[in-house]
């Protein structure tokens, strides 16, 4: 069966204003790396890692927003 290469539009998740640029970059890199490793370990198609990584970062951002709204600010 022939493989197709669908071009997807890059999806970005904007950084929250309560994290520094470096904090957000490090956090998203770790989440995406974890998603890629999970895809590989599960034997899923490699093309899935990008979409799953973005979904994981979106979910993380949403949860961070909830925690911050609940008053979870902490310097540390």
PDB file of N, CA and C in Angstrom:
ATOM      1  N   UNK A   1       0.847  -1.170   0.000  1.00  0.00           N
ATOM      2  CA  UNK A   1       0.000   0.000   0.000  1.00  0.00           C
ATOM      3  C   UNK A   1       0.897   1.239   0.000  1.00  0.00           C
ATOM      4  N   UNK A   2       0.649   2.199  -0.900  1.00  0.00           N
ATOM      5  CA  UNK A   2       1.498   3.384  -0.953  1.00  0.00           C
ATOM      6  C   UNK A   2       1.311   4.269   0.275  1.00  0.00           C
ATOM      7  N   UNK A   3       2.395   4.852   0.699  1.00  0.00           N
ATOM      8  CA  UNK A   3       2.350   5.777   1.836  1.00  0.00           C
ATOM      9  C   UNK A   3       2.127   7.191   1.318  1.00  0.00           C
ATOM     10  N   UNK A   4       1.373   7.973   2.049  1.00  0.00           N
ATOM     11  CA  UNK A   4       1.180   9.369   1.662  1.00  0.00           C
ATOM     12  C   UNK A   4       1.851  10.243   2.712  1.00  0.00           C
ATOM     13  N   UNK A   5       2.229  11.406   2.299  1.00  0.00           N
ATOM     14  CA  UNK A   5       2.827  12.357   3.232  1.00  0.00           C
ATOM     15  C   UNK A   5       1.928  13.574   3.293  1.00  0.00           C
ATOM     16  N   UNK A   6       0.955  13.520   4.157  1.00  0.00           N
ATOM     17  CA  UNK A   6       0.068  14.656   4.352  1.00  0.00           C
ATOM     18  C   UNK A   6       0.824  15.749   5.083  1.00  0.00           C
ATOM     19  N   UNK A   7       0.737  16.946   4.564  1.00  0.00           N
ATOM     20  CA  UNK A   7       1.355  18.087   5.220  1.00  0.00           C
ATOM     21  C   UNK A   7       0.349  18.664   6.198  1.00  0.00           C
ATOM     22  N   UNK A   8       0.748  18.755   7.438  1.00  0.00           N
ATOM     23  CA  UNK A   8      -0.128  19.343   8.432  1.00  0.00           C
ATOM     24  C   UNK A   8       0.349  20.749   8.739  1.00  0.00           C
ATOM     25  N   UNK A   9      -0.584  21.581   9.105  1.00  0.00           N
ATOM     26  CA  UNK A   9      -0.241  22.934   9.495  1.00  0.00           C
ATOM     27  C   UNK A   9       0.390  22.888  10.877  1.00  0.00           C
ATOM     28  N   UNK A  10       1.534  23.550  11.044  1.00  0.00           N
ATOM     29  CA  UNK A  10       2.151  23.548  12.371  1.00  0.00           C
ATOM     30  C   UNK A  10       1.198  24.139  13.405  1.00  0.00           C
ATOM     31  N   UNK A  11       1.127  23.475  14.517  1.00  0.00           N
ATOM     32  CA  UNK A  11       0.259  23.923  15.596  1.00  0.00           C
ATOM     33  C   UNK A  11       1.155  24.372  16.741  1.00  0.00           C
ATOM     34  N   UNK A  12       0.903  25.552  17.225  1.00  0.00           N
ATOM     35  CA  UNK A  12       1.711  26.016  18.347  1.00  0.00           C
ATOM     36  C   UNK A  12       0.815  26.202  19.564  1.00  0.00           C
ATOM     37  N   UNK A  13       1.410  25.997  20.700  1.00  0.00           N
ATOM     38  CA  UNK A  13       0.731  26.220  21.962  1.00  0.00           C
ATOM     39  C   UNK A  13       1.445  27.405  22.597  1.00  0.00           C
ATOM     40  N   UNK A  14       0.744  28.518  22.747  1.00  0.00           N
ATOM     41  CA  UNK A  14       1.419  29.710  23.255  1.00  0.00           C
ATOM     42  C   UNK A  14       1.902  29.515  24.693  1.00  0.00           C
ATOM     43  N   UNK A  15       3.039  30.106  25.020  1.00  0.00           N
ATOM     44  CA  UNK A  15       3.541  29.979  26.390  1.00  0.00           C
ATOM     45  C   UNK A  15       2.680  30.780  27.358  1.00  0.00           C
ATOM     46  N   UNK A  16       2.528  30.261  28.558  1.00  0.00           N
ATOM     47  CA  UNK A  16       1.768  31.013  29.554  1.00  0.00           C
ATOM     48  C   UNK A  16       2.598  32.183  30.087  1.00  0.00           C
ATOM     49  N   UNK A  17       1.914  33.208  30.568  1.00  0.00           N
ATOM     50  CA  UNK A  17       2.641  34.377  31.067  1.00  0.00           C
ATOM     51  C   UNK A  17       3.255  34.147  32.447  1.00  0.00           C
ATOM     52  N   UNK A  18       2.926  33.042  33.084  1.00  0.00           N
ATOM     53  CA  UNK A  18       3.459  32.765  34.421  1.00  0.00           C
ATOM     54  C   UNK A  18       4.707  31.891  34.394  1.00  0.00           C
ATOM     55  N   UNK A  19       5.200  31.528  33.210  1.00  0.00           N
ATOM     56  CA  UNK A  19       6.467  30.805  33.071  1.00  0.00           C
ATOM     57  C   UNK A  19       7.407  31.610  32.189  1.00  0.00           C
ATOM     58  N   UNK A  20       8.695  31.503  32.465  1.00  0.00           N
ATOM     59  CA  UNK A  20       9.666  32.169  31.598  1.00  0.00           C
ATOM     60  C   UNK A  20       9.733  31.416  30.265  1.00  0.00           C
ATOM     61  N   UNK A  21      10.316  32.052  29.297  1.00  0.00           N
ATOM     62  CA  UNK A  21      10.469  31.423  27.982  1.00  0.00           C
ATOM     63  C   UNK A  21      11.292  30.141  28.099  1.00  0.00           C
ATOM     64  N   UNK A  22      12.353  30.186  28.898  1.00  0.00           N
ATOM     65  CA  UNK A  22      13.195  29.006  29.089  1.00  0.00           C
ATOM     66  C   UNK A  22      12.451  27.881  29.819  1.00  0.00           C
ATOM     67  N   UNK A  23      11.655  28.234  30.816  1.00  0.00           N
ATOM     68  CA  UNK A  23      10.876  27.222  31.526  1.00  0.00           C
ATOM     69  C   UNK A  23       9.899  26.527  30.577  1.00  0.00           C
ATOM     70  N   UNK A  24       9.200  27.317  29.779  1.00  0.00           N
ATOM     71  CA  UNK A  24       8.216  26.753  28.853  1.00  0.00           C
ATOM     72  C   UNK A  24       8.892  25.891  27.795  1.00  0.00           C
ATOM     73  N   UNK A  25      10.024  26.356  27.278  1.00  0.00           N
ATOM     74  CA  UNK A  25      10.743  25.589  26.263  1.00  0.00           C
ATOM     75  C   UNK A  25      11.211  24.252  26.831  1.00  0.00           C
ATOM     76  N   UNK A  26      11.762  24.266  28.026  1.00  0.00           N
ATOM     77  CA  UNK A  26      12.226  23.026  28.652  1.00  0.00           C
ATOM     78  C   UNK A  26      11.095  22.069  28.947  1.00  0.00           C
ATOM     79  N   UNK A  27       9.992  22.608  29.421  1.00  0.00           N
ATOM     80  CA  UNK A  27       8.832  21.778  29.751  1.00  0.00           C
ATOM     81  C   UNK A  27       8.228  21.151  28.501  1.00  0.00           C
ATOM     82  N   UNK A  28       8.044  21.930  27.459  1.00  0.00           N
ATOM     83  CA  UNK A  28       7.453  21.385  26.236  1.00  0.00           C
ATOM     84  C   UNK A  28       8.385  20.376  25.573  1.00  0.00           C
ATOM     85  N   UNK A  29       9.680  20.641  25.614  1.00  0.00           N
ATOM     86  CA  UNK A  29      10.630  19.689  25.043  1.00  0.00           C
ATOM     87  C   UNK A  29      10.559  18.350  25.770  1.00  0.00           C
ATOM     88  N   UNK A  30      10.467  18.393  27.090  1.00  0.00           N
ATOM     89  CA  UNK A  30      10.373  17.151  27.871  1.00  0.00           C
ATOM     90  C   UNK A  30       9.079  16.399  27.565  1.00  0.00           C
ATOM     91  N   UNK A  31       7.972  17.115  27.435  1.00  0.00           N
ATOM     92  CA  UNK A  31       6.689  16.480  27.146  1.00  0.00           C
ATOM     93  C   UNK A  31       6.699  15.848  25.751  1.00  0.00           C
ATOM     94  N   UNK A  32       7.200  16.572  24.776  1.00  0.00           N
ATOM     95  CA  UNK A  32       7.245  16.048  23.408  1.00  0.00           C
ATOM     96  C   UNK A  32       8.188  14.851  23.324  1.00  0.00           C
ATOM     97  N   UNK A  33       9.314  14.929  24.012  1.00  0.00           N
ATOM     98  CA  UNK A  33      10.248  13.794  24.033  1.00  0.00           C
ATOM     99  C   UNK A  33       9.588  12.562  24.640  1.00  0.00           C
ATOM    100  N   UNK A  34       8.833  12.770  25.710  1.00  0.00           N
ATOM    101  CA  UNK A  34       8.122  11.664  26.338  1.00  0.00           C
ATOM    102  C   UNK A  34       7.076  11.063  25.415  1.00  0.00           C
ATOM    103  N   UNK A  35       6.368  11.919  24.687  1.00  0.00           N
ATOM    104  CA  UNK A  35       5.366  11.418  23.744  1.00  0.00           C
ATOM    105  C   UNK A  35       6.036  10.611  22.636  1.00  0.00           C
ATOM    106  N   UNK A  36       7.154  11.091  22.146  1.00  0.00           N
ATOM    107  CA  UNK A  36       7.869  10.380  21.084  1.00  0.00           C
ATOM    108  C   UNK A  36       8.368   9.021  21.592  1.00  0.00           C
ATOM    109  N   UNK A  37       8.880   8.996  22.803  1.00  0.00           N
ATOM    110  CA  UNK A  37       9.345   7.734  23.373  1.00  0.00           C
ATOM    111  C   UNK A  37       8.187   6.761  23.558  1.00  0.00           C
ATOM    112  N   UNK A  38       7.051   7.267  24.012  1.00  0.00           N
ATOM    113  CA  UNK A  38       5.877   6.417  24.188  1.00  0.00           C
ATOM    114  C   UNK A  38       5.391   5.822  22.886  1.00  0.00           C
ATOM    115  N   UNK A  39       5.375   6.636  21.834  1.00  0.00           N
ATOM    116  CA  UNK A  39       4.961   6.161  20.514  1.00  0.00           C
ATOM    117  C   UNK A  39       5.902   5.047  20.051  1.00  0.00           C
ATOM    118  N   UNK A  40       7.190   5.269  20.251  1.00  0.00           N
ATOM    119  CA  UNK A  40       8.184   4.280  19.840  1.00  0.00           C
ATOM    120  C   UNK A  40       8.020   2.976  20.637  1.00  0.00           C
ATOM    121  N   UNK A  41       7.884   3.083  21.946  1.00  0.00           N
ATOM    122  CA  UNK A  41       7.743   1.888  22.788  1.00  0.00           C
ATOM    123  C   UNK A  41       6.467   1.109  22.480  1.00  0.00           C
ATOM    124  N   UNK A  42       5.408   1.838  22.136  1.00  0.00           N
ATOM    125  CA  UNK A  42       4.132   1.183  21.844  1.00  0.00           C
ATOM    126  C   UNK A  42       4.085   0.600  20.438  1.00  0.00           C
ATOM    127  N   UNK A  43       5.082   0.922  19.623  1.00  0.00           N
ATOM    128  CA  UNK A  43       5.111   0.413  18.260  1.00  0.00           C
ATOM    129  C   UNK A  43       4.092   1.080  17.350  1.00  0.00           C
ATOM    130  N   UNK A  44       3.705   2.299  17.694  1.00  0.00           N
ATOM    131  CA  UNK A  44       2.748   3.046  16.877  1.00  0.00           C
ATOM    132  C   UNK A  44       3.477   3.681  15.695  1.00  0.00           C
ATOM    133  N   UNK A  45       2.728   4.074  14.679  1.00  0.00           N
ATOM    134  CA  UNK A  45       3.379   4.733  13.541  1.00  0.00           C
ATOM    135  C   UNK A  45       4.122   5.989  13.994  1.00  0.00           C
ATOM    136  N   UNK A  46       5.354   6.139  13.538  1.00  0.00           N
ATOM    137  CA  UNK A  46       6.189   7.267  13.923  1.00  0.00           C
ATOM    138  C   UNK A  46       5.571   8.621  13.635  1.00  0.00           C
ATOM    139  N   UNK A  47       4.757   8.702  12.603  1.00  0.00           N
ATOM    140  CA  UNK A  47       4.125   9.977  12.253  1.00  0.00           C
ATOM    141  C   UNK A  47       3.161  10.444  13.338  1.00  0.00           C
ATOM    142  N   UNK A  48       2.724   9.540  14.192  1.00  0.00           N
ATOM    143  CA  UNK A  48       1.790   9.903  15.252  1.00  0.00           C
ATOM    144  C   UNK A  48       2.448  10.737  16.342  1.00  0.00           C
ATOM    145  N   UNK A  49       3.759  10.633  16.495  1.00  0.00           N
ATOM    146  CA  UNK A  49       4.429  11.289  17.615  1.00  0.00           C
ATOM    147  C   UNK A  49       4.230  12.800  17.604  1.00  0.00           C
ATOM    148  N   UNK A  50       4.225  13.405  16.446  1.00  0.00           N
ATOM    149  CA  UNK A  50       4.052  14.849  16.375  1.00  0.00           C
ATOM    150  C   UNK A  50       2.680  15.276  16.891  1.00  0.00           C
ATOM    151  N   UNK A  51       1.634  14.641  16.382  1.00  0.00           N
ATOM    152  CA  UNK A  51       0.281  14.987  16.818  1.00  0.00           C
ATOM    153  C   UNK A  51       0.043  14.682  18.286  1.00  0.00           C
ATOM    154  N   UNK A  52       0.565  13.558  18.739  1.00  0.00           N
ATOM    155  CA  UNK A  52       0.403  13.208  20.151  1.00  0.00           C
ATOM    156  C   UNK A  52       1.216  14.133  21.040  1.00  0.00           C
ATOM    157  N   UNK A  53       2.382  14.551  20.571  1.00  0.00           N
ATOM    158  CA  UNK A  53       3.191  15.493  21.334  1.00  0.00           C
ATOM    159  C   UNK A  53       2.491  16.834  21.492  1.00  0.00           C
ATOM    160  N   UNK A  54       1.912  17.341  20.421  1.00  0.00           N
ATOM    161  CA  UNK A  54       1.175  18.611  20.485  1.00  0.00           C
ATOM    162  C   UNK A  54      -0.028  18.475  21.402  1.00  0.00           C
ATOM    163  N   UNK A  55      -0.744  17.355  21.307  1.00  0.00           N
ATOM    164  CA  UNK A  55      -1.903  17.135  22.181  1.00  0.00           C
ATOM    165  C   UNK A  55      -1.480  17.100  23.642  1.00  0.00           C
ATOM    166  N   UNK A  56      -0.339  16.473  23.921  1.00  0.00           N
ATOM    167  CA  UNK A  56       0.159  16.404  25.299  1.00  0.00           C
ATOM    168  C   UNK A  56       0.524  17.789  25.820  1.00  0.00           C
ATOM    169  N   UNK A  57       1.159  18.601  24.986  1.00  0.00           N
ATOM    170  CA  UNK A  57       1.530  19.956  25.400  1.00  0.00           C
ATOM    171  C   UNK A  57       0.275  20.798  25.629  1.00  0.00           C
ATOM    172  N   UNK A  58      -0.721  20.661  24.753  1.00  0.00           N
ATOM    173  CA  UNK A  58      -1.983  21.390  24.944  1.00  0.00           C
ATOM    174  C   UNK A  58      -2.649  20.989  26.255  1.00  0.00           C
ATOM    175  N   UNK A  59      -2.654  19.690  26.535  1.00  0.00           N
ATOM    176  CA  UNK A  59      -3.242  19.211  27.783  1.00  0.00           C
ATOM    177  C   UNK A  59      -2.484  19.730  28.991  1.00  0.00           C
ATOM    178  N   UNK A  60      -1.164  19.729  28.904  1.00  0.00           N
ATOM    179  CA  UNK A  60      -0.335  20.244  29.984  1.00  0.00           C
ATOM    180  C   UNK A  60      -0.617  21.725  30.212  1.00  0.00           C
ATOM    181  N   UNK A  61      -0.687  22.480  29.126  1.00  0.00           N
ATOM    182  CA  UNK A  61      -0.958  23.922  29.253  1.00  0.00           C
ATOM    183  C   UNK A  61      -2.319  24.157  29.898  1.00  0.00           C
ATOM    184  N   UNK A  62      -3.309  23.388  29.496  1.00  0.00           N
ATOM    185  CA  UNK A  62      -4.639  23.528  30.088  1.00  0.00           C
ATOM    186  C   UNK A  62      -4.628  23.224  31.579  1.00  0.00           C
ATOM    187  N   UNK A  63      -3.931  22.175  31.963  1.00  0.00           N
ATOM    188  CA  UNK A  63      -3.859  21.803  33.390  1.00  0.00           C
ATOM    189  C   UNK A  63      -3.079  22.833  34.182  1.00  0.00           C
ATOM    190  N   UNK A  64      -1.986  23.356  33.622  1.00  0.00           N
ATOM    191  CA  UNK A  64      -1.232  24.412  34.298  1.00  0.00           C
ATOM    192  C   UNK A  64      -2.106  25.636  34.536  1.00  0.00           C
ATOM    193  N   UNK A  65      -2.900  26.003  33.536  1.00  0.00           N
ATOM    194  CA  UNK A  65      -3.789  27.153  33.682  1.00  0.00           C
ATOM    195  C   UNK A  65      -4.772  26.943  34.826  1.00  0.00           C
ATOM    196  N   UNK A  66      -5.316  25.727  34.942  1.00  0.00           N
ATOM    197  CA  UNK A  66      -6.255  25.418  36.034  1.00  0.00           C
ATOM    198  C   UNK A  66      -5.552  25.536  37.376  1.00  0.00           C
ATOM    199  N   UNK A  67      -4.373  24.945  37.484  1.00  0.00           N
ATOM    200  CA  UNK A  67      -3.630  25.000  38.742  1.00  0.00           C
ATOM    201  C   UNK A  67      -3.297  26.435  39.137  1.00  0.00           C
ATOM    202  N   UNK A  68      -2.904  27.239  38.177  1.00  0.00           N
ATOM    203  CA  UNK A  68      -2.580  28.635  38.466  1.00  0.00           C
ATOM    204  C   UNK A  68      -3.827  29.408  38.864  1.00  0.00           C
ATOM    205  N   UNK A  69      -4.952  29.125  38.244  1.00  0.00           N
ATOM    206  CA  UNK A  69      -6.209  29.804  38.592  1.00  0.00           C
ATOM    207  C   UNK A  69      -6.654  29.438  39.998  1.00  0.00           C
ATOM    208  N   UNK A  70      -6.261  28.259  40.451  1.00  0.00           N
ATOM    209  CA  UNK A  70      -6.599  27.817  41.810  1.00  0.00           C
ATOM    210  C   UNK A  70      -5.641  28.410  42.848  1.00  0.00           C
ATOM    211  N   UNK A  71      -4.697  29.214  42.395  1.00  0.00           N
ATOM    212  CA  UNK A  71      -3.791  29.875  43.320  1.00  0.00           C
ATOM    213  C   UNK A  71      -2.486  29.140  43.545  1.00  0.00           C
ATOM    214  N   UNK A  72      -2.074  28.359  42.580  1.00  0.00           N
ATOM    215  CA  UNK A  72      -0.870  27.559  42.735  1.00  0.00           C
ATOM    216  C   UNK A  72       0.415  28.245  42.351  1.00  0.00           C
ATOM    217  N   UNK A  73       0.559  29.539  42.637  1.00  0.00           N
ATOM    218  CA  UNK A  73       1.812  30.209  42.308  1.00  0.00           C
ATOM    219  C   UNK A  73       2.855  29.822  43.335  1.00  0.00           C
ATOM    220  N   UNK A  74       4.045  29.556  42.843  1.00  0.00           N
ATOM    221  CA  UNK A  74       5.125  29.168  43.739  1.00  0.00           C
ATOM    222  C   UNK A  74       6.444  29.549  43.115  1.00  0.00           C
ATOM    223  N   UNK A  75       7.298  30.125  43.886  1.00  0.00           N
ATOM    224  CA  UNK A  75       8.644  30.448  43.426  1.00  0.00           C
ATOM    225  C   UNK A  75       9.577  29.368  43.926  1.00  0.00           C
ATOM    226  N   UNK A  76      10.080  28.583  43.018  1.00  0.00           N
ATOM    227  CA  UNK A  76      10.949  27.528  43.507  1.00  0.00           C
ATOM    228  C   UNK A  76      11.386  26.686  42.461  1.00  0.00           C
TER     229      UNK A  76
END
